[in-house]
């Protein structure tokens, strides 16, 4: 299958390109810079340069490629994960996902593409008992930035899954970990903050985080090329509370025990979104993806090693 990956040099784009090649798909990576295109070529991947916000260029490129399938992994996130930098990047990221994504999808439809896969969220479900399934509502009434993100993802899913002339799939990824992510043990921004004791457990720490290794996410994305249209949670088997995973992650990194701060302290220092993550996130179930995609994610490494368990 000829597959165009939009956002081919990002945290999920890089392992996705490799996974597609391993399954003998013909892969074309789209990057918005010449540098990104060269990095793809160095991996033996055909590349095209197009800014997703440039509608005419995107249309020209996609019509020329004529892909059987398109995978949309467009983001514009900061290198460092901090409340300040995420807030500063929010409008730009939203524009890339909504406007850029729409441009890519329209171009794909004009080129006759029949399969379209898009990135969505597996960690912004609304409150409820147990782990959330795909039919459960997202957190429309969450803290301001989370609610804004939810509206963005809902618009994306409606655009893709609701399209009439393509088979649309939305993959609700968990928080990425592994190489090139914020949780990369060597270079990740969150890993650095944990080492510096500047990433605290907030309040009860009862927010339940759903993670997924980027390579497992890539494998699921390849499987989605031949799956039934719809929505799938691509998350780990055992989502865990912040008060559990964060201390274990610190031990895994040989970092100090994370500090604990109150909800009030966090509201003053980082705002309501940080409190929402730490205390109110709801975990998601991957049962449907296991059934339909054959999805078998690895165990979260810092909860499954003796190093994380002891001390």
C-alpha atoms as a PDB file:
ATOM      1  CA  UNK A   1       0.000   0.000   0.000  1.00  0.00           C
ATOM      2  CA  UNK A   2       1.266   3.488  -0.805  1.00  0.00           C
ATOM      3  CA  UNK A   3       1.043   5.488   2.439  1.00  0.00           C
ATOM      4  CA  UNK A   4       1.609   9.216   2.889  1.00  0.00           C
ATOM      5  CA  UNK A   5       2.519  10.212   6.452  1.00  0.00           C
ATOM      6  CA  UNK A   6       1.823  13.874   7.247  1.00  0.00           C
ATOM      7  CA  UNK A   7       3.982  14.786  10.223  1.00  0.00           C
ATOM      8  CA  UNK A   8       6.543  12.106   9.441  1.00  0.00           C
ATOM      9  CA  UNK A   9       9.385  13.524  11.558  1.00  0.00           C
ATOM     10  CA  UNK A  10       7.582  13.884  14.895  1.00  0.00           C
ATOM     11  CA  UNK A  11       7.620  11.666  17.976  1.00  0.00           C
ATOM     12  CA  UNK A  12       5.175   9.171  16.459  1.00  0.00           C
ATOM     13  CA  UNK A  13       6.048   9.888  12.816  1.00  0.00           C
ATOM     14  CA  UNK A  14       9.600   8.539  13.066  1.00  0.00           C
ATOM     15  CA  UNK A  15       8.760   5.074  14.439  1.00  0.00           C
ATOM     16  CA  UNK A  16       5.670   4.938  12.223  1.00  0.00           C
ATOM     17  CA  UNK A  17       7.736   5.365   9.069  1.00  0.00           C
ATOM     18  CA  UNK A  18      10.010   2.534  10.222  1.00  0.00           C
ATOM     19  CA  UNK A  19       7.055   0.286  11.069  1.00  0.00           C
ATOM     20  CA  UNK A  20       5.458   0.901   7.677  1.00  0.00           C
ATOM     21  CA  UNK A  21       8.698   0.087   5.881  1.00  0.00           C
ATOM     22  CA  UNK A  22       9.076  -3.099   7.933  1.00  0.00           C
ATOM     23  CA  UNK A  23       5.670  -4.213   6.652  1.00  0.00           C
ATOM     24  CA  UNK A  24       6.758  -3.436   3.063  1.00  0.00           C
ATOM     25  CA  UNK A  25       4.447  -0.510   2.511  1.00  0.00           C
ATOM     26  CA  UNK A  26       5.562   2.171   0.088  1.00  0.00           C
ATOM     27  CA  UNK A  27       6.087   5.170   2.395  1.00  0.00           C
ATOM     28  CA  UNK A  28       6.190   8.861   1.538  1.00  0.00           C
ATOM     29  CA  UNK A  29       6.900  11.212   4.429  1.00  0.00           C
ATOM     30  CA  UNK A  30       5.636  14.792   4.374  1.00  0.00           C
ATOM     31  CA  UNK A  31       7.654  17.408   6.245  1.00  0.00           C
ATOM     32  CA  UNK A  32       7.294  21.172   6.400  1.00  0.00           C
ATOM     33  CA  UNK A  33      11.071  21.726   6.198  1.00  0.00           C
ATOM     34  CA  UNK A  34      13.905  20.713   3.910  1.00  0.00           C
ATOM     35  CA  UNK A  35      15.825  19.521   6.970  1.00  0.00           C
ATOM     36  CA  UNK A  36      13.006  17.158   7.873  1.00  0.00           C
ATOM     37  CA  UNK A  37      12.809  15.892   4.316  1.00  0.00           C
ATOM     38  CA  UNK A  38      16.554  15.179   4.302  1.00  0.00           C
ATOM     39  CA  UNK A  39      16.295  13.265   7.585  1.00  0.00           C
ATOM     40  CA  UNK A  40      13.661  11.030   5.987  1.00  0.00           C
ATOM     41  CA  UNK A  41      15.768  10.508   2.889  1.00  0.00           C
ATOM     42  CA  UNK A  42      18.698   9.464   5.083  1.00  0.00           C
ATOM     43  CA  UNK A  43      16.467   6.662   6.393  1.00  0.00           C
ATOM     44  CA  UNK A  44      15.675   5.562   2.862  1.00  0.00           C
ATOM     45  CA  UNK A  45      12.207   7.121   2.853  1.00  0.00           C
ATOM     46  CA  UNK A  46      10.836   9.152  -0.036  1.00  0.00           C
ATOM     47  CA  UNK A  47       9.931  12.622   1.177  1.00  0.00           C
ATOM     48  CA  UNK A  48       7.960  15.661   0.096  1.00  0.00           C
ATOM     49  CA  UNK A  49       8.108  19.189   1.499  1.00  0.00           C
ATOM     50  CA  UNK A  50       4.833  20.951   2.201  1.00  0.00           C
ATOM     51  CA  UNK A  51       3.561  23.227   4.927  1.00  0.00           C
ATOM     52  CA  UNK A  52       0.212  21.734   5.939  1.00  0.00           C
ATOM     53  CA  UNK A  53      -1.217  25.269   6.222  1.00  0.00           C
ATOM     54  CA  UNK A  54      -0.465  25.944   2.544  1.00  0.00           C
ATOM     55  CA  UNK A  55      -3.594  24.501   0.962  1.00  0.00           C
ATOM     56  CA  UNK A  56      -2.477  24.790  -2.667  1.00  0.00           C
ATOM     57  CA  UNK A  57       0.911  23.197  -2.097  1.00  0.00           C
ATOM     58  CA  UNK A  58      -0.593  20.357  -0.077  1.00  0.00           C
ATOM     59  CA  UNK A  59      -3.151  19.683  -2.806  1.00  0.00           C
ATOM     60  CA  UNK A  60      -0.452  19.645  -5.469  1.00  0.00           C
ATOM     61  CA  UNK A  61       1.802  17.307  -3.470  1.00  0.00           C
ATOM     62  CA  UNK A  62      -0.903  14.827  -2.501  1.00  0.00           C
ATOM     63  CA  UNK A  63      -2.353  14.685  -6.019  1.00  0.00           C
ATOM     64  CA  UNK A  64       1.123  13.970  -7.336  1.00  0.00           C
ATOM     65  CA  UNK A  65       1.742  11.197  -4.800  1.00  0.00           C
ATOM     66  CA  UNK A  66      -1.732   9.624  -5.183  1.00  0.00           C
ATOM     67  CA  UNK A  67      -1.535   7.646  -1.922  1.00  0.00           C
ATOM     68  CA  UNK A  68      -3.784   4.697  -1.136  1.00  0.00           C
ATOM     69  CA  UNK A  69      -3.821   5.823   2.491  1.00  0.00           C
ATOM     70  CA  UNK A  70      -2.887   8.905   4.480  1.00  0.00           C
ATOM     71  CA  UNK A  71      -1.841   8.985   8.127  1.00  0.00           C
ATOM     72  CA  UNK A  72      -2.224  12.420   9.705  1.00  0.00           C
ATOM     73  CA  UNK A  73       0.154  12.961  12.643  1.00  0.00           C
ATOM     74  CA  UNK A  74       0.288  16.752  12.507  1.00  0.00           C
ATOM     75  CA  UNK A  75       1.273  18.614  15.675  1.00  0.00           C
ATOM     76  CA  UNK A  76       3.190  21.727  16.653  1.00  0.00           C
ATOM     77  CA  UNK A  77       4.232  21.054  20.235  1.00  0.00           C
ATOM     78  CA  UNK A  78       7.129  22.671  22.114  1.00  0.00           C
ATOM     79  CA  UNK A  79      10.362  20.824  22.828  1.00  0.00           C
ATOM     80  CA  UNK A  80       9.931  21.396  26.562  1.00  0.00           C
ATOM     81  CA  UNK A  81       6.828  20.272  28.395  1.00  0.00           C
ATOM     82  CA  UNK A  82       5.982  23.042  30.848  1.00  0.00           C
ATOM     83  CA  UNK A  83       2.649  24.774  31.549  1.00  0.00           C
ATOM     84  CA  UNK A  84       4.047  28.019  30.124  1.00  0.00           C
ATOM     85  CA  UNK A  85       5.377  26.526  26.891  1.00  0.00           C
ATOM     86  CA  UNK A  86       2.340  24.333  26.298  1.00  0.00           C
ATOM     87  CA  UNK A  87       0.100  27.392  26.723  1.00  0.00           C
ATOM     88  CA  UNK A  88       2.253  29.420  24.325  1.00  0.00           C
ATOM     89  CA  UNK A  89       2.088  26.649  21.698  1.00  0.00           C
ATOM     90  CA  UNK A  90      -1.625  25.878  22.079  1.00  0.00           C
ATOM     91  CA  UNK A  91      -3.034  28.163  19.379  1.00  0.00           C
ATOM     92  CA  UNK A  92      -0.354  27.208  16.869  1.00  0.00           C
ATOM     93  CA  UNK A  93      -0.814  23.501  17.566  1.00  0.00           C
ATOM     94  CA  UNK A  94      -4.598  23.788  17.272  1.00  0.00           C
ATOM     95  CA  UNK A  95      -4.291  25.590  13.931  1.00  0.00           C
ATOM     96  CA  UNK A  96      -1.946  22.958  12.537  1.00  0.00           C
ATOM     97  CA  UNK A  97      -4.243  20.144  13.619  1.00  0.00           C
ATOM     98  CA  UNK A  98      -7.482  21.753  12.438  1.00  0.00           C
ATOM     99  CA  UNK A  99      -6.545  23.825   9.383  1.00  0.00           C
ATOM    100  CA  UNK A 100      -3.510  21.810   8.332  1.00  0.00           C
ATOM    101  CA  UNK A 101      -5.321  18.535   8.897  1.00  0.00           C
ATOM    102  CA  UNK A 102      -8.319  19.708   6.922  1.00  0.00           C
ATOM    103  CA  UNK A 103      -6.042  20.703   4.042  1.00  0.00           C
ATOM    104  CA  UNK A 104      -4.391  17.297   4.010  1.00  0.00           C
ATOM    105  CA  UNK A 105      -7.690  15.417   4.173  1.00  0.00           C
ATOM    106  CA  UNK A 106      -9.289  17.463   1.403  1.00  0.00           C
ATOM    107  CA  UNK A 107      -6.238  16.870  -0.752  1.00  0.00           C
ATOM    108  CA  UNK A 108      -6.365  13.153  -0.007  1.00  0.00           C
ATOM    109  CA  UNK A 109     -10.025  13.003  -0.974  1.00  0.00           C
ATOM    110  CA  UNK A 110      -9.322  14.927  -4.171  1.00  0.00           C
ATOM    111  CA  UNK A 111      -6.550  12.443  -4.983  1.00  0.00           C
ATOM    112  CA  UNK A 112      -8.887   9.478  -4.539  1.00  0.00           C
ATOM    113  CA  UNK A 113      -7.437   8.210  -1.256  1.00  0.00           C
ATOM    114  CA  UNK A 114      -9.733   5.673   0.375  1.00  0.00           C
ATOM    115  CA  UNK A 115      -8.178   5.210   3.848  1.00  0.00           C
ATOM    116  CA  UNK A 116      -7.447   8.035   6.283  1.00  0.00           C
ATOM    117  CA  UNK A 117      -5.995   7.624   9.789  1.00  0.00           C
ATOM    118  CA  UNK A 118      -5.668  10.497  12.255  1.00  0.00           C
ATOM    119  CA  UNK A 119      -4.168  11.125  15.692  1.00  0.00           C
ATOM    120  CA  UNK A 120      -6.584  11.777  18.542  1.00  0.00           C
ATOM    121  CA  UNK A 121      -6.507  11.636  22.376  1.00  0.00           C
ATOM    122  CA  UNK A 122      -6.892   8.681  24.708  1.00  0.00           C
ATOM    123  CA  UNK A 123      -6.478  10.595  27.957  1.00  0.00           C
ATOM    124  CA  UNK A 124      -9.208  13.248  27.982  1.00  0.00           C
ATOM    125  CA  UNK A 125     -12.278  11.177  28.827  1.00  0.00           C
ATOM    126  CA  UNK A 126     -15.013  12.588  31.018  1.00  0.00           C
ATOM    127  CA  UNK A 127     -15.581  11.296  34.556  1.00  0.00           C
ATOM    128  CA  UNK A 128     -17.060   7.864  35.077  1.00  0.00           C
ATOM    129  CA  UNK A 129     -16.486   4.496  36.719  1.00  0.00           C
ATOM    130  CA  UNK A 130     -13.535   2.371  35.685  1.00  0.00           C
ATOM    131  CA  UNK A 131     -11.586   2.692  32.470  1.00  0.00           C
ATOM    132  CA  UNK A 132     -13.215   4.604  29.625  1.00  0.00           C
ATOM    133  CA  UNK A 133     -14.251   2.899  26.395  1.00  0.00           C
ATOM    134  CA  UNK A 134     -14.508   4.511  22.997  1.00  0.00           C
ATOM    135  CA  UNK A 135     -18.204   5.285  23.310  1.00  0.00           C
ATOM    136  CA  UNK A 136     -17.780   7.273  26.522  1.00  0.00           C
ATOM    137  CA  UNK A 137     -17.914  11.061  26.399  1.00  0.00           C
ATOM    138  CA  UNK A 138     -14.798  13.180  26.349  1.00  0.00           C
ATOM    139  CA  UNK A 139     -14.165  15.787  29.060  1.00  0.00           C
ATOM    140  CA  UNK A 140     -16.052  18.769  27.669  1.00  0.00           C
ATOM    141  CA  UNK A 141     -16.369  20.313  31.156  1.00  0.00           C
ATOM    142  CA  UNK A 142     -12.722  19.954  32.168  1.00  0.00           C
ATOM    143  CA  UNK A 143     -10.286  22.755  32.998  1.00  0.00           C
ATOM    144  CA  UNK A 144      -9.984  25.478  30.309  1.00  0.00           C
ATOM    145  CA  UNK A 145      -7.076  24.209  28.206  1.00  0.00           C
ATOM    146  CA  UNK A 146      -8.138  20.570  28.509  1.00  0.00           C
ATOM    147  CA  UNK A 147     -11.688  21.439  27.416  1.00  0.00           C
ATOM    148  CA  UNK A 148     -10.278  23.403  24.476  1.00  0.00           C
ATOM    149  CA  UNK A 149      -8.170  20.403  23.467  1.00  0.00           C
ATOM    150  CA  UNK A 150     -11.215  18.160  23.718  1.00  0.00           C
ATOM    151  CA  UNK A 151     -13.138  20.423  21.334  1.00  0.00           C
ATOM    152  CA  UNK A 152     -10.224  20.265  18.908  1.00  0.00           C
ATOM    153  CA  UNK A 153     -10.062  16.477  18.988  1.00  0.00           C
ATOM    154  CA  UNK A 154     -13.830  16.152  18.629  1.00  0.00           C
ATOM    155  CA  UNK A 155     -13.716  18.345  15.527  1.00  0.00           C
ATOM    156  CA  UNK A 156     -10.883  16.251  14.102  1.00  0.00           C
ATOM    157  CA  UNK A 157     -12.697  12.978  14.751  1.00  0.00           C
ATOM    158  CA  UNK A 158     -15.909  14.279  13.231  1.00  0.00           C
ATOM    159  CA  UNK A 159     -14.007  15.396  10.130  1.00  0.00           C
ATOM    160  CA  UNK A 160     -12.289  12.045   9.641  1.00  0.00           C
ATOM    161  CA  UNK A 161     -14.624   9.371  10.990  1.00  0.00           C
ATOM    162  CA  UNK A 162     -17.670  11.211   9.668  1.00  0.00           C
ATOM    163  CA  UNK A 163     -16.328  11.560   6.120  1.00  0.00           C
ATOM    164  CA  UNK A 164     -18.425   9.806   3.508  1.00  0.00           C
ATOM    165  CA  UNK A 165     -15.907   9.075   0.791  1.00  0.00           C
ATOM    166  CA  UNK A 166     -12.996   7.707   2.852  1.00  0.00           C
ATOM    167  CA  UNK A 167     -12.659   4.989   5.464  1.00  0.00           C
ATOM    168  CA  UNK A 168     -11.727   7.094   8.495  1.00  0.00           C
ATOM    169  CA  UNK A 169      -9.960   5.882  11.625  1.00  0.00           C
ATOM    170  CA  UNK A 170      -9.170   7.978  14.717  1.00  0.00           C
ATOM    171  CA  UNK A 171      -6.520   6.590  17.040  1.00  0.00           C
ATOM    172  CA  UNK A 172      -6.831   7.849  20.600  1.00  0.00           C
ATOM    173  CA  UNK A 173      -3.222   7.557  21.690  1.00  0.00           C
ATOM    174  CA  UNK A 174      -2.184   7.637  25.331  1.00  0.00           C
ATOM    175  CA  UNK A 175       0.721   9.742  26.590  1.00  0.00           C
ATOM    176  CA  UNK A 176       3.724   8.799  24.487  1.00  0.00           C
ATOM    177  CA  UNK A 177       6.855   7.414  26.100  1.00  0.00           C
ATOM    178  CA  UNK A 178      10.010   6.033  24.557  1.00  0.00           C
ATOM    179  CA  UNK A 179      12.630   7.579  22.244  1.00  0.00           C
ATOM    180  CA  UNK A 180      12.031  11.176  21.231  1.00  0.00           C
ATOM    181  CA  UNK A 181       9.159  11.771  23.665  1.00  0.00           C
ATOM    182  CA  UNK A 182       8.749  13.943  26.753  1.00  0.00           C
ATOM    183  CA  UNK A 183       9.286  10.757  28.806  1.00  0.00           C
ATOM    184  CA  UNK A 184      12.452   9.672  26.980  1.00  0.00           C
ATOM    185  CA  UNK A 185      14.721   8.646  29.901  1.00  0.00           C
ATOM    186  CA  UNK A 186      17.750  10.260  28.271  1.00  0.00           C
ATOM    187  CA  UNK A 187      16.478  13.451  26.675  1.00  0.00           C
ATOM    188  CA  UNK A 188      12.824  13.889  27.603  1.00  0.00           C
ATOM    189  CA  UNK A 189      11.673  17.187  29.058  1.00  0.00           C
ATOM    190  CA  UNK A 190       9.586  15.518  31.767  1.00  0.00           C
ATOM    191  CA  UNK A 191      12.472  13.191  32.614  1.00  0.00           C
ATOM    192  CA  UNK A 192      14.703  16.226  33.117  1.00  0.00           C
ATOM    193  CA  UNK A 193      12.108  17.883  35.358  1.00  0.00           C
ATOM    194  CA  UNK A 194      11.787  14.709  37.429  1.00  0.00           C
ATOM    195  CA  UNK A 195      15.560  14.642  37.899  1.00  0.00           C
ATOM    196  CA  UNK A 196      15.444  18.283  38.973  1.00  0.00           C
ATOM    197  CA  UNK A 197      12.583  17.594  41.427  1.00  0.00           C
ATOM    198  CA  UNK A 198      10.427  20.126  39.583  1.00  0.00           C
ATOM    199  CA  UNK A 199       7.644  17.734  38.503  1.00  0.00           C
ATOM    200  CA  UNK A 200       5.562  17.144  41.643  1.00  0.00           C
ATOM    201  CA  UNK A 201       2.729  14.876  42.641  1.00  0.00           C
ATOM    202  CA  UNK A 202      -0.233  17.226  43.075  1.00  0.00           C
ATOM    203  CA  UNK A 203      -2.896  16.844  45.734  1.00  0.00           C
ATOM    204  CA  UNK A 204      -4.350  13.336  45.865  1.00  0.00           C
ATOM    205  CA  UNK A 205      -2.409  12.270  42.765  1.00  0.00           C
ATOM    206  CA  UNK A 206      -5.488  10.249  41.768  1.00  0.00           C
ATOM    207  CA  UNK A 207      -5.509  11.302  38.116  1.00  0.00           C
ATOM    208  CA  UNK A 208      -5.197   8.131  36.018  1.00  0.00           C
ATOM    209  CA  UNK A 209      -2.689   8.356  33.141  1.00  0.00           C
ATOM    210  CA  UNK A 210      -2.906   6.153  30.049  1.00  0.00           C
ATOM    211  CA  UNK A 211       0.502   5.723  28.417  1.00  0.00           C
ATOM    212  CA  UNK A 212       1.685   4.045  25.222  1.00  0.00           C
ATOM    213  CA  UNK A 213       5.172   3.394  23.891  1.00  0.00           C
ATOM    214  CA  UNK A 214       5.624   5.202  20.575  1.00  0.00           C
ATOM    215  CA  UNK A 215       6.722   1.999  18.859  1.00  0.00           C
ATOM    216  CA  UNK A 216       3.565   0.215  20.024  1.00  0.00           C
ATOM    217  CA  UNK A 217       1.524   3.203  18.847  1.00  0.00           C
ATOM    218  CA  UNK A 218       3.232   2.938  15.472  1.00  0.00           C
ATOM    219  CA  UNK A 219       2.437  -0.780  15.221  1.00  0.00           C
ATOM    220  CA  UNK A 220      -1.230  -0.075  15.984  1.00  0.00           C
ATOM    221  CA  UNK A 221      -1.275   2.665  13.360  1.00  0.00           C
ATOM    222  CA  UNK A 222      -0.025   0.254  10.710  1.00  0.00           C
ATOM    223  CA  UNK A 223      -2.747  -2.204  11.722  1.00  0.00           C
ATOM    224  CA  UNK A 224      -5.345   0.577  11.417  1.00  0.00           C
ATOM    225  CA  UNK A 225      -4.689   0.752   7.682  1.00  0.00           C
ATOM    226  CA  UNK A 226      -6.728  -2.436   7.284  1.00  0.00           C
ATOM    227  CA  UNK A 227      -9.087  -2.165  10.261  1.00  0.00           C
ATOM    228  CA  UNK A 228     -12.764  -1.304  10.449  1.00  0.00           C
ATOM    229  CA  UNK A 229     -13.366   2.462  10.336  1.00  0.00           C
ATOM    230  CA  UNK A 230     -13.986   4.072  13.710  1.00  0.00           C
ATOM    231  CA  UNK A 231     -12.285   5.080  16.929  1.00  0.00           C
ATOM    232  CA  UNK A 232      -9.731   3.057  18.911  1.00  0.00           C
ATOM    233  CA  UNK A 233      -8.013   3.645  22.262  1.00  0.00           C
ATOM    234  CA  UNK A 234      -4.285   3.006  21.793  1.00  0.00           C
ATOM    235  CA  UNK A 235      -3.121   2.865  25.403  1.00  0.00           C
ATOM    236  CA  UNK A 236      -1.294   0.566  27.806  1.00  0.00           C
ATOM    237  CA  UNK A 237      -2.994  -2.326  29.590  1.00  0.00           C
ATOM    238  CA  UNK A 238      -2.929  -0.843  33.082  1.00  0.00           C
ATOM    239  CA  UNK A 239      -3.367   2.952  33.286  1.00  0.00           C
ATOM    240  CA  UNK A 240      -2.017   4.204  36.608  1.00  0.00           C
ATOM    241  CA  UNK A 241      -2.531   7.071  39.016  1.00  0.00           C
ATOM    242  CA  UNK A 242      -0.009   9.888  39.081  1.00  0.00           C
ATOM    243  CA  UNK A 243       0.753   9.014  42.709  1.00  0.00           C
ATOM    244  CA  UNK A 244       1.840   5.568  41.512  1.00  0.00           C
ATOM    245  CA  UNK A 245       3.571   6.068  38.173  1.00  0.00           C
ATOM    246  CA  UNK A 246       5.476   9.269  38.960  1.00  0.00           C
ATOM    247  CA  UNK A 247       7.413   7.983  42.024  1.00  0.00           C
ATOM    248  CA  UNK A 248       8.141   4.759  40.101  1.00  0.00           C
ATOM    249  CA  UNK A 249       9.374   6.791  37.135  1.00  0.00           C
ATOM    250  CA  UNK A 250      11.672   8.772  39.437  1.00  0.00           C
ATOM    251  CA  UNK A 251      13.157   5.546  40.820  1.00  0.00           C
ATOM    252  CA  UNK A 252      13.570   4.241  37.265  1.00  0.00           C
ATOM    253  CA  UNK A 253      15.589   7.382  36.447  1.00  0.00           C
ATOM    254  CA  UNK A 254      17.599   7.190  39.699  1.00  0.00           C
ATOM    255  CA  UNK A 255      16.090  10.570  40.516  1.00  0.00           C
ATOM    256  CA  UNK A 256      14.983  11.905  43.901  1.00  0.00           C
ATOM    257  CA  UNK A 257      11.504  11.104  45.158  1.00  0.00           C
ATOM    258  CA  UNK A 258       9.122  13.630  43.549  1.00  0.00           C
ATOM    259  CA  UNK A 259       7.903  16.398  45.852  1.00  0.00           C
ATOM    260  CA  UNK A 260       4.235  16.564  46.852  1.00  0.00           C
ATOM    261  CA  UNK A 261       2.358  19.843  46.687  1.00  0.00           C
ATOM    262  CA  UNK A 262      -1.219  20.719  47.521  1.00  0.00           C
ATOM    263  CA  UNK A 263      -3.976  21.471  45.041  1.00  0.00           C
ATOM    264  CA  UNK A 264      -3.896  25.108  46.149  1.00  0.00           C
ATOM    265  CA  UNK A 265      -0.139  25.358  45.612  1.00  0.00           C
ATOM    266  CA  UNK A 266      -0.465  23.825  42.152  1.00  0.00           C
ATOM    267  CA  UNK A 267      -3.267  26.203  41.189  1.00  0.00           C
ATOM    268  CA  UNK A 268      -1.053  29.153  42.058  1.00  0.00           C
ATOM    269  CA  UNK A 269       2.113  27.772  40.475  1.00  0.00           C
ATOM    270  CA  UNK A 270       0.860  25.979  37.369  1.00  0.00           C
ATOM    271  CA  UNK A 271      -2.871  26.638  36.995  1.00  0.00           C
ATOM    272  CA  UNK A 272      -6.040  24.517  36.819  1.00  0.00           C
ATOM    273  CA  UNK A 273      -4.931  22.290  33.953  1.00  0.00           C
ATOM    274  CA  UNK A 274      -2.039  20.847  35.951  1.00  0.00           C
ATOM    275  CA  UNK A 275      -4.469  20.093  38.769  1.00  0.00           C
ATOM    276  CA  UNK A 276      -6.868  18.435  36.337  1.00  0.00           C
ATOM    277  CA  UNK A 277      -4.141  16.137  35.002  1.00  0.00           C
ATOM    278  CA  UNK A 278      -2.906  15.202  38.447  1.00  0.00           C
ATOM    279  CA  UNK A 279      -6.253  14.652  40.148  1.00  0.00           C
ATOM    280  CA  UNK A 280      -9.019  14.086  37.605  1.00  0.00           C
ATOM    281  CA  UNK A 281      -7.731  12.317  34.495  1.00  0.00           C
ATOM    282  CA  UNK A 282      -9.585   9.099  33.699  1.00  0.00           C
ATOM    283  CA  UNK A 283      -7.792   6.104  32.272  1.00  0.00           C
ATOM    284  CA  UNK A 284      -8.866   4.355  29.084  1.00  0.00           C
ATOM    285  CA  UNK A 285      -9.393   0.718  28.123  1.00  0.00           C
ATOM    286  CA  UNK A 286      -7.598  -0.815  25.127  1.00  0.00           C
ATOM    287  CA  UNK A 287      -9.890  -3.863  24.911  1.00  0.00           C
ATOM    288  CA  UNK A 288     -11.416  -2.843  21.580  1.00  0.00           C
ATOM    289  CA  UNK A 289      -8.016  -2.233  19.976  1.00  0.00           C
ATOM    290  CA  UNK A 290      -6.820  -5.593  21.271  1.00  0.00           C
ATOM    291  CA  UNK A 291      -9.831  -7.261  19.666  1.00  0.00           C
ATOM    292  CA  UNK A 292      -9.877  -5.441  16.335  1.00  0.00           C
ATOM    293  CA  UNK A 293      -6.234  -4.448  15.766  1.00  0.00           C
ATOM    294  CA  UNK A 294      -4.434  -7.278  17.528  1.00  0.00           C
ATOM    295  CA  UNK A 295      -2.921  -4.576  19.736  1.00  0.00           C
ATOM    296  CA  UNK A 296      -0.558  -5.948  22.411  1.00  0.00           C
ATOM    297  CA  UNK A 297       1.304  -3.083  24.118  1.00  0.00           C
ATOM    298  CA  UNK A 298       4.349  -3.641  26.288  1.00  0.00           C
ATOM    299  CA  UNK A 299       4.117  -3.101  30.023  1.00  0.00           C
ATOM    300  CA  UNK A 300       5.011   0.362  31.246  1.00  0.00           C
ATOM    301  CA  UNK A 301       8.714  -0.198  31.833  1.00  0.00           C
ATOM    302  CA  UNK A 302       9.130   1.853  34.988  1.00  0.00           C
ATOM    303  CA  UNK A 303       6.289  -0.045  36.688  1.00  0.00           C
ATOM    304  CA  UNK A 304       7.476  -3.469  35.569  1.00  0.00           C
ATOM    305  CA  UNK A 305      11.174  -3.406  36.483  1.00  0.00           C
ATOM    306  CA  UNK A 306      12.718  -4.423  39.787  1.00  0.00           C
ATOM    307  CA  UNK A 307      14.498  -1.068  39.862  1.00  0.00           C
ATOM    308  CA  UNK A 308      11.180   0.781  39.852  1.00  0.00           C
ATOM    309  CA  UNK A 309       9.626  -1.540  42.396  1.00  0.00           C
ATOM    310  CA  UNK A 310      12.334  -1.441  45.045  1.00  0.00           C
ATOM    311  CA  UNK A 311      13.946   1.161  47.295  1.00  0.00           C
END
